[in-house]
Structure formats: C-alpha cells, structure tokens
Protein backbone atom coordinates (compact mmCIF):
# COMPACT_ATOMS: atom_id res chain seq x y z
CA MET A 1 -20.97 9.85 12.38
CA GLU A 2 -21.24 6.32 10.93
CA GLN A 3 -22.78 7.71 7.75
CA GLN A 4 -19.85 10.15 7.39
CA LEU A 5 -17.36 7.27 7.83
CA GLN A 6 -19.14 5.24 5.15
CA LEU A 7 -19.06 8.17 2.73
CA ASN A 8 -15.36 8.72 3.36
CA GLU A 9 -14.60 5.05 2.67
CA HIS A 10 -15.94 5.39 -0.87
CA ASN A 11 -14.17 8.62 -1.83
CA LYS A 12 -11.19 6.74 -3.27
CA GLN A 13 -12.13 4.49 -6.18
CA GLU A 14 -8.93 2.56 -6.87
CA TYR A 15 -9.13 -0.93 -8.30
CA PRO A 16 -9.25 -2.98 -5.06
CA PRO A 17 -6.63 -5.64 -5.99
CA MET A 18 -4.13 -3.01 -7.15
CA HIS A 19 -4.79 -0.77 -4.17
CA THR A 20 -4.31 -3.68 -1.77
CA VAL A 21 -1.04 -4.72 -3.40
CA GLU A 22 0.17 -1.15 -2.88
CA HIS A 23 -0.12 -1.79 0.89
CA ILE A 24 1.90 -5.00 0.54
CA LEU A 25 4.52 -3.29 -1.64
CA ASN A 26 4.84 -0.43 0.86
CA ARG A 27 5.51 -2.80 3.77
CA THR A 28 7.91 -4.87 1.66
CA MET A 29 9.90 -1.75 0.74
CA MET A 30 9.97 -0.68 4.39
CA ASN A 31 11.22 -4.13 5.41
CA LEU A 32 13.85 -4.47 2.68
CA PHE A 33 15.17 -0.91 2.44
CA GLY A 34 14.19 0.74 5.74
CA CYS A 35 12.43 3.49 3.82
CA GLY A 36 9.01 4.97 4.46
CA ARG A 37 5.81 4.23 2.58
CA ALA A 38 5.56 5.51 -1.00
CA VAL A 39 6.00 9.28 -1.22
CA SER A 40 3.96 9.28 -4.43
CA ALA A 41 1.66 6.69 -5.99
CA HIS A 42 -0.54 6.45 -9.05
CA ILE A 43 -2.77 3.39 -8.81
CA GLU A 44 -4.66 2.21 -11.90
CA ARG A 45 -6.26 -1.06 -13.02
CA LYS A 46 -3.82 -1.79 -15.91
CA LYS A 47 -0.57 -0.59 -14.33
CA SER A 48 0.53 1.49 -11.38
CA LYS A 49 3.60 3.21 -10.02
CA CYS A 50 5.01 4.07 -6.61
CA ASP A 51 7.98 6.26 -5.68
CA TYR A 52 10.20 5.55 -2.67
CA LEU A 53 13.03 7.53 -1.15
CA VAL A 54 16.02 5.18 -0.85
CA SER A 55 19.67 6.07 -0.39
CA VAL A 56 21.12 3.89 -3.17
CA ALA A 57 19.81 2.43 -6.40
CA PRO A 58 18.68 -1.16 -5.91
CA THR A 59 20.31 -3.90 -7.96
CA ASP A 60 18.34 -5.98 -10.45
CA GLU A 61 18.55 -8.81 -7.92
CA GLN A 62 16.96 -6.59 -5.25
CA ILE A 63 14.17 -5.63 -7.67
CA ARG A 64 13.48 -9.33 -8.27
CA GLU A 65 13.49 -9.87 -4.49
CA ILE A 66 10.84 -7.15 -4.02
CA GLU A 67 8.66 -8.90 -6.60
CA ARG A 68 9.27 -12.31 -5.02
CA ARG A 69 8.42 -11.13 -1.51
CA VAL A 70 5.26 -9.30 -2.57
CA ASN A 71 4.05 -12.45 -4.35
CA GLU A 72 4.95 -14.54 -1.31
CA VAL A 73 2.65 -12.38 0.84
CA ILE A 74 -0.11 -12.49 -1.78
CA ASN A 75 0.08 -16.30 -1.84
CA MET A 76 -0.31 -16.48 1.94
CA ASN A 77 -4.05 -15.79 1.44
CA LEU A 78 -4.08 -13.21 4.23
CA PRO A 79 -7.38 -11.61 5.26
CA VAL A 80 -7.74 -7.90 4.57
CA THR A 81 -9.71 -6.31 7.40
CA PHE A 82 -10.25 -2.90 8.93
CA ASP A 83 -11.15 -1.28 12.19
CA TYR A 84 -11.46 2.24 13.50
CA ILE A 85 -9.19 4.24 15.75
CA SER A 86 -9.38 7.70 17.26
CA LYS A 87 -7.21 10.38 15.69
CA GLU A 88 -5.56 10.83 19.09
CA ASP A 89 -4.58 7.14 19.29
CA ALA A 90 -3.58 7.09 15.62
CA CYS A 91 -1.00 9.86 16.07
CA GLU A 92 0.94 7.56 18.43
CA ARG A 93 1.16 4.76 15.82
CA TYR A 94 0.91 6.33 12.35
CA ASP A 95 2.21 9.29 10.38
CA LEU A 96 -0.73 11.66 10.02
CA GLY A 97 1.19 14.08 7.79
CA ARG A 98 -0.61 13.12 4.58
CA LEU A 99 -4.12 13.37 6.02
CA PRO A 100 -6.23 16.43 5.15
CA ASP A 101 -6.58 19.06 7.88
CA ASP A 102 -10.34 18.46 8.17
CA VAL A 103 -10.05 14.68 8.66
CA SER A 104 -12.56 13.04 11.00
CA ASP A 105 -11.65 12.29 14.62
CA ILE A 106 -12.26 8.61 13.84
CA LEU A 107 -9.91 7.00 11.27
CA ARG A 108 -9.96 3.65 9.50
CA VAL A 109 -7.00 1.28 9.78
CA VAL A 110 -6.62 -1.38 7.08
CA HIS A 111 -4.86 -4.62 8.07
CA VAL A 112 -3.32 -7.03 5.56
CA GLY A 113 -3.15 -10.02 7.88
CA GLY A 114 -0.33 -9.40 10.33
CA TYR A 115 1.88 -8.09 7.52
CA ASP A 116 0.80 -4.47 7.20
CA ASP A 117 -1.52 -1.95 8.75
CA CYS A 118 -2.04 1.68 7.82
CA LEU A 119 -4.61 4.43 7.73
CA CYS A 120 -6.62 4.22 4.53
CA VAL A 121 -10.02 5.07 3.06
CA GLY A 122 -9.58 3.10 -0.17
CA LEU A 123 -11.31 -0.04 -1.41
CA HIS A 124 -9.59 -3.40 -0.85
CA VAL A 125 -10.00 -7.09 -1.57
CA ASN A 126 -11.18 -9.44 1.21
CA SER A 127 -8.12 -11.69 0.92
CA THR A 128 -4.70 -11.35 -0.69
CA PHE A 129 -5.51 -14.44 -2.77
CA GLU A 130 -7.82 -12.21 -4.87
CA ILE A 131 -4.93 -10.01 -6.03
CA GLY A 132 -3.24 -12.20 -8.64
CA LYS A 133 0.45 -12.15 -9.51
CA PHE A 134 2.46 -8.95 -8.93
CA VAL A 135 4.92 -8.08 -11.72
CA ILE A 136 7.38 -5.18 -11.72
CA ILE A 137 7.41 -4.03 -15.35
CA SER A 138 10.09 -1.34 -15.01
CA HIS A 139 12.00 0.75 -12.51
CA ASP A 140 14.32 3.70 -12.44
CA TYR A 141 16.33 5.58 -9.85
CA GLN A 142 17.17 9.29 -9.84
CA CYS A 143 18.37 11.55 -7.05
CA GLY A 144 17.35 9.21 -4.23
CA ARG A 145 13.92 8.39 -5.67
CA LEU A 146 13.12 4.85 -6.81
CA ARG A 147 10.11 4.54 -9.12
CA LEU A 148 8.56 1.09 -9.47
CA ARG A 149 6.02 0.45 -12.24
CA PHE A 150 3.96 -2.70 -11.83
CA LYS A 151 0.91 -4.62 -12.95
CA LEU A 152 -1.17 -7.58 -11.82
CA MET A 153 -1.69 -10.79 -13.77
CA GLY A 154 -4.66 -13.10 -13.18
CA GLY A 155 -6.52 -12.70 -9.89
C-alpha cells in the first residue's frame, strides 16, 4: 500500500513552486469571490493559467488584489506539508468529483500552512518562501469564466 501511495505521488510532474502557488491562488479566489477551486488549470514552469467560475467580471483593482493577497501568503513563509486520509473521511471534507474512479482508499491532503488544504498528488515546495513573486500577466472574462494567466519571478 505504501509503495502504491509513493508511486501515485510522483504521477504529476508539475514544477513544484508553480503547483504550490496554484493551491494558494485557489484558496485566494475562494476567499475573495466565493467561487470553487479552478475548474481548469494548465500549470507550467514559465507561465500557467487557471479558470474560475465567477458571476461577474472582476475589476482591474480586484485583479491586483488577487495578486497582492497571493504574494502576502507566499511571504508568510508557510510550511507545505501533507498527511493521509481515508476516502470515506475525505468525502465529508472535500469534493471528490475530480478524482478518478479507481482512486486508492487512502488519499493525500496537502496543507499550505493553515491557509489551504486539498487533496493532491502533485509535487510541492517545502515552504511558500521558495515560490518567488506571483505575477498575473493577463486575464479575461467570458460567459462566467475568469481566466488568469500568471508567472513566478525569482524564488
């Protein structure tokens, strides 16, 4: 069982700083707009994008606030840790809708300090301080879907 968990942890090969900032961005969007986590994401080393379902187009000031808050969390130097939870317990706390049907009965929960926690098999940094500066490079809004394109500087 432990060997299977270790293999599953390495299936996703995102760039750890960018993947970890996706977690922070998701929680920030949930906090600011009351939306869910990204409905679509493409995470790459050079630049990434996430799509969110929001009822109205955010203002330029709100976009700057997203960037400011994500960087505020990064600068808190929060530990990034994980633990395991049974699928049965997870269904009480998390949306399991995006998990494959054949997922293990034991799932990994990634914690970004006390800021965010979610089910994830990806690779992450040990501390938010390793991420660098988060920069939103562009955004657009169509039919209730906000797309944020972003990159990391430094780190």
